[in-house]
Amino acid sequence: MEISINIPEDLALRLTPVSQQLPQILELGLREWSTLEQPGFSGLADVLEFLAALPSAEEILALKPTAALQQQVEELLVKTQTVGLTETEECWWQHYEYVEHLVRMAKTRALVKLSHLGDE
């Protein structure tokens, strides 16, 4: 299907070098967009912004994905085991795995920090 849209000049300049990846960019953007209204960390960018704000150890340990994100992950797991992932889905999955790794590291450090506070 072909779609035509009007976009601002500055956005067009940013998209020109990645024009071949526009379907993947739109897919990733739609995934983030569809989870904006969910509580918790709805998209991958949300968790990075949360961690960048230097939350407390307790806040890090309480961090969890939204039901919508959890459902997306479960659907991709099923697809991985059955029909396989599309290129866009594989890209999203790799991003998710990386962010999940960062969250696990942050939670491990938060636990260590809290355990040291109990030693004092």
C-alpha atoms as a PDB file:
ATOM      1  CA  MET A   1       0.000   0.000   0.000  1.00  0.00           C
ATOM      2  CA  GLU A   2       1.222   3.473  -0.766  1.00  0.00           C
ATOM      3  CA  ILE A   3       0.448   6.395   1.543  1.00  0.00           C
ATOM      4  CA  SER A   4       1.210  10.075   0.944  1.00  0.00           C
ATOM      5  CA  ILE A   5       1.526  12.533   3.819  1.00  0.00           C
ATOM      6  CA  ASN A   6       2.627  16.131   4.274  1.00  0.00           C
ATOM      7  CA  ILE A   7       5.295  16.606   6.929  1.00  0.00           C
ATOM      8  CA  PRO A   8       7.293  19.599   8.129  1.00  0.00           C
ATOM      9  CA  GLU A   9      10.512  20.372   6.246  1.00  0.00           C
ATOM     10  CA  ASP A  10      12.773  19.672   9.231  1.00  0.00           C
ATOM     11  CA  LEU A  11      11.222  16.220   9.710  1.00  0.00           C
ATOM     12  CA  ALA A  12      11.614  15.468   6.004  1.00  0.00           C
ATOM     13  CA  LEU A  13      15.317  16.302   6.247  1.00  0.00           C
ATOM     14  CA  ARG A  14      15.717  13.943   9.203  1.00  0.00           C
ATOM     15  CA  LEU A  15      13.855  11.135   7.430  1.00  0.00           C
ATOM     16  CA  THR A  16      15.686  11.359   4.106  1.00  0.00           C
ATOM     17  CA  PRO A  17      18.774   9.377   5.204  1.00  0.00           C
ATOM     18  CA  VAL A  18      16.591   6.600   6.656  1.00  0.00           C
ATOM     19  CA  SER A  19      13.896   6.494   3.990  1.00  0.00           C
ATOM     20  CA  GLN A  20      14.442   2.770   3.369  1.00  0.00           C
ATOM     21  CA  GLN A  21      13.673   2.042   7.037  1.00  0.00           C
ATOM     22  CA  LEU A  22      10.433   4.069   7.200  1.00  0.00           C
ATOM     23  CA  PRO A  23       8.181   0.996   7.619  1.00  0.00           C
ATOM     24  CA  GLN A  24      10.233  -0.149  10.625  1.00  0.00           C
ATOM     25  CA  ILE A  25      10.364   3.373  12.066  1.00  0.00           C
ATOM     26  CA  LEU A  26       6.595   3.714  11.758  1.00  0.00           C
ATOM     27  CA  GLU A  27       6.014   0.292  13.345  1.00  0.00           C
ATOM     28  CA  LEU A  28       8.217   1.136  16.330  1.00  0.00           C
ATOM     29  CA  GLY A  29       6.592   4.546  16.646  1.00  0.00           C
ATOM     30  CA  LEU A  30       3.102   3.051  16.570  1.00  0.00           C
ATOM     31  CA  ARG A  31       4.034   0.580  19.317  1.00  0.00           C
ATOM     32  CA  GLU A  32       5.181   3.466  21.518  1.00  0.00           C
ATOM     33  CA  TRP A  33       2.161   5.596  20.579  1.00  0.00           C
ATOM     34  CA  SER A  34      -0.351   2.849  21.386  1.00  0.00           C
ATOM     35  CA  THR A  35       0.956   2.541  24.939  1.00  0.00           C
ATOM     36  CA  LEU A  36       1.103   6.239  25.871  1.00  0.00           C
ATOM     37  CA  GLU A  37      -1.997   6.139  28.083  1.00  0.00           C
ATOM     38  CA  GLN A  38      -0.891   3.100  30.104  1.00  0.00           C
ATOM     39  CA  PRO A  39       0.444   3.398  33.676  1.00  0.00           C
ATOM     40  CA  GLY A  40       3.921   2.105  34.495  1.00  0.00           C
ATOM     41  CA  PHE A  41       6.551   1.907  31.812  1.00  0.00           C
ATOM     42  CA  SER A  42       4.594   1.559  28.633  1.00  0.00           C
ATOM     43  CA  GLY A  43       7.318   1.801  26.076  1.00  0.00           C
ATOM     44  CA  LEU A  44      11.019   1.383  25.949  1.00  0.00           C
ATOM     45  CA  ALA A  45      11.723   5.120  25.865  1.00  0.00           C
ATOM     46  CA  ASP A  46       9.729   5.540  29.085  1.00  0.00           C
ATOM     47  CA  VAL A  47      12.003   3.266  31.074  1.00  0.00           C
ATOM     48  CA  LEU A  48      15.123   4.999  29.804  1.00  0.00           C
ATOM     49  CA  GLU A  49      13.684   8.379  30.784  1.00  0.00           C
ATOM     50  CA  PHE A  50      12.754   6.950  34.186  1.00  0.00           C
ATOM     51  CA  LEU A  51      16.288   5.647  34.798  1.00  0.00           C
ATOM     52  CA  ALA A  52      17.819   8.908  33.559  1.00  0.00           C
ATOM     53  CA  ALA A  53      15.886  10.736  36.296  1.00  0.00           C
ATOM     54  CA  LEU A  54      18.015   8.864  38.897  1.00  0.00           C
ATOM     55  CA  PRO A  55      15.129   7.325  40.862  1.00  0.00           C
ATOM     56  CA  SER A  56      15.520   5.933  44.368  1.00  0.00           C
ATOM     57  CA  ALA A  57      16.368   2.263  44.921  1.00  0.00           C
ATOM     58  CA  GLU A  58      12.780   1.627  46.009  1.00  0.00           C
ATOM     59  CA  GLU A  59      11.401   3.248  42.851  1.00  0.00           C
ATOM     60  CA  ILE A  60      13.700   1.128  40.686  1.00  0.00           C
ATOM     61  CA  LEU A  61      12.597  -2.069  42.402  1.00  0.00           C
ATOM     62  CA  ALA A  62       8.938  -1.109  41.875  1.00  0.00           C
ATOM     63  CA  LEU A  63       9.447  -0.542  38.124  1.00  0.00           C
ATOM     64  CA  LYS A  64       7.412  -2.893  35.958  1.00  0.00           C
ATOM     65  CA  PRO A  65       6.046  -2.954  32.417  1.00  0.00           C
ATOM     66  CA  THR A  66       2.443  -2.105  31.661  1.00  0.00           C
ATOM     67  CA  ALA A  67      -0.010  -4.839  30.781  1.00  0.00           C
ATOM     68  CA  ALA A  68       0.091  -3.630  27.153  1.00  0.00           C
ATOM     69  CA  LEU A  69       3.874  -3.940  26.935  1.00  0.00           C
ATOM     70  CA  GLN A  70       3.806  -7.310  28.685  1.00  0.00           C
ATOM     71  CA  GLN A  71       1.228  -8.505  26.150  1.00  0.00           C
ATOM     72  CA  GLN A  72       3.400  -7.311  23.242  1.00  0.00           C
ATOM     73  CA  VAL A  73       6.367  -9.217  24.658  1.00  0.00           C
ATOM     74  CA  GLU A  74       4.308 -12.388  25.129  1.00  0.00           C
ATOM     75  CA  GLU A  75       2.962 -12.160  21.570  1.00  0.00           C
ATOM     76  CA  LEU A  76       6.487 -11.812  20.199  1.00  0.00           C
ATOM     77  CA  LEU A  77       7.642 -14.800  22.256  1.00  0.00           C
ATOM     78  CA  VAL A  78       4.874 -16.907  20.745  1.00  0.00           C
ATOM     79  CA  LYS A  79       5.729 -15.702  17.237  1.00  0.00           C
ATOM     80  CA  THR A  80       9.404 -16.495  17.838  1.00  0.00           C
ATOM     81  CA  GLN A  81       8.490 -20.079  18.657  1.00  0.00           C
ATOM     82  CA  THR A  82       5.993 -20.494  15.810  1.00  0.00           C
ATOM     83  CA  VAL A  83       6.146 -18.402  12.642  1.00  0.00           C
ATOM     84  CA  GLY A  84       9.171 -16.228  13.398  1.00  0.00           C
ATOM     85  CA  LEU A  85       9.520 -12.468  13.659  1.00  0.00           C
ATOM     86  CA  THR A  86       9.428  -9.898  10.889  1.00  0.00           C
ATOM     87  CA  GLU A  87      12.449  -7.635  10.492  1.00  0.00           C
ATOM     88  CA  THR A  88      10.611  -4.846  12.322  1.00  0.00           C
ATOM     89  CA  GLU A  89       9.590  -7.151  15.159  1.00  0.00           C
ATOM     90  CA  GLU A  90      13.131  -8.488  15.451  1.00  0.00           C
ATOM     91  CA  CYS A  91      14.438  -4.939  15.738  1.00  0.00           C
ATOM     92  CA  TRP A  92      11.877  -4.107  18.416  1.00  0.00           C
ATOM     93  CA  TRP A  93      12.728  -7.348  20.266  1.00  0.00           C
ATOM     94  CA  GLN A  94      16.430  -6.480  20.297  1.00  0.00           C
ATOM     95  CA  HIS A  95      15.637  -3.052  21.737  1.00  0.00           C
ATOM     96  CA  TYR A  96      13.405  -4.634  24.351  1.00  0.00           C
ATOM     97  CA  GLU A  97      16.107  -7.129  25.362  1.00  0.00           C
ATOM     98  CA  TYR A  98      18.633  -4.337  25.775  1.00  0.00           C
ATOM     99  CA  VAL A  99      16.323  -2.204  27.907  1.00  0.00           C
ATOM    100  CA  GLU A 100      15.336  -5.273  29.957  1.00  0.00           C
ATOM    101  CA  HIS A 101      19.048  -5.894  30.590  1.00  0.00           C
ATOM    102  CA  LEU A 102      19.470  -2.296  31.786  1.00  0.00           C
ATOM    103  CA  VAL A 103      16.483  -2.641  34.117  1.00  0.00           C
ATOM    104  CA  ARG A 104      17.861  -5.887  35.576  1.00  0.00           C
ATOM    105  CA  MET A 105      21.215  -4.221  36.210  1.00  0.00           C
ATOM    106  CA  ALA A 106      19.513  -1.241  37.850  1.00  0.00           C
ATOM    107  CA  LYS A 107      17.390  -3.511  40.050  1.00  0.00           C
ATOM    108  CA  THR A 108      20.443  -5.548  41.077  1.00  0.00           C
ATOM    109  CA  ARG A 109      22.295  -2.392  42.060  1.00  0.00           C
ATOM    110  CA  ALA A 110      19.240  -1.112  43.914  1.00  0.00           C
ATOM    111  CA  LEU A 111      19.072  -4.343  45.930  1.00  0.00           C
ATOM    112  CA  VAL A 112      22.774  -4.100  46.759  1.00  0.00           C
ATOM    113  CA  LYS A 113      22.342  -0.483  47.818  1.00  0.00           C
ATOM    114  CA  LEU A 114      19.390  -1.324  50.062  1.00  0.00           C
ATOM    115  CA  SER A 115      21.207  -4.288  51.613  1.00  0.00           C
ATOM    116  CA  HIS A 116      24.187  -2.065  52.449  1.00  0.00           C
ATOM    117  CA  LEU A 117      21.851   0.461  54.085  1.00  0.00           C
ATOM    118  CA  GLY A 118      20.615  -2.345  56.349  1.00  0.00           C
ATOM    119  CA  ASP A 119      24.222  -3.086  57.396  1.00  0.00           C
ATOM    120  CA  GLU A 120      24.713   0.410  58.799  1.00  0.00           C
END
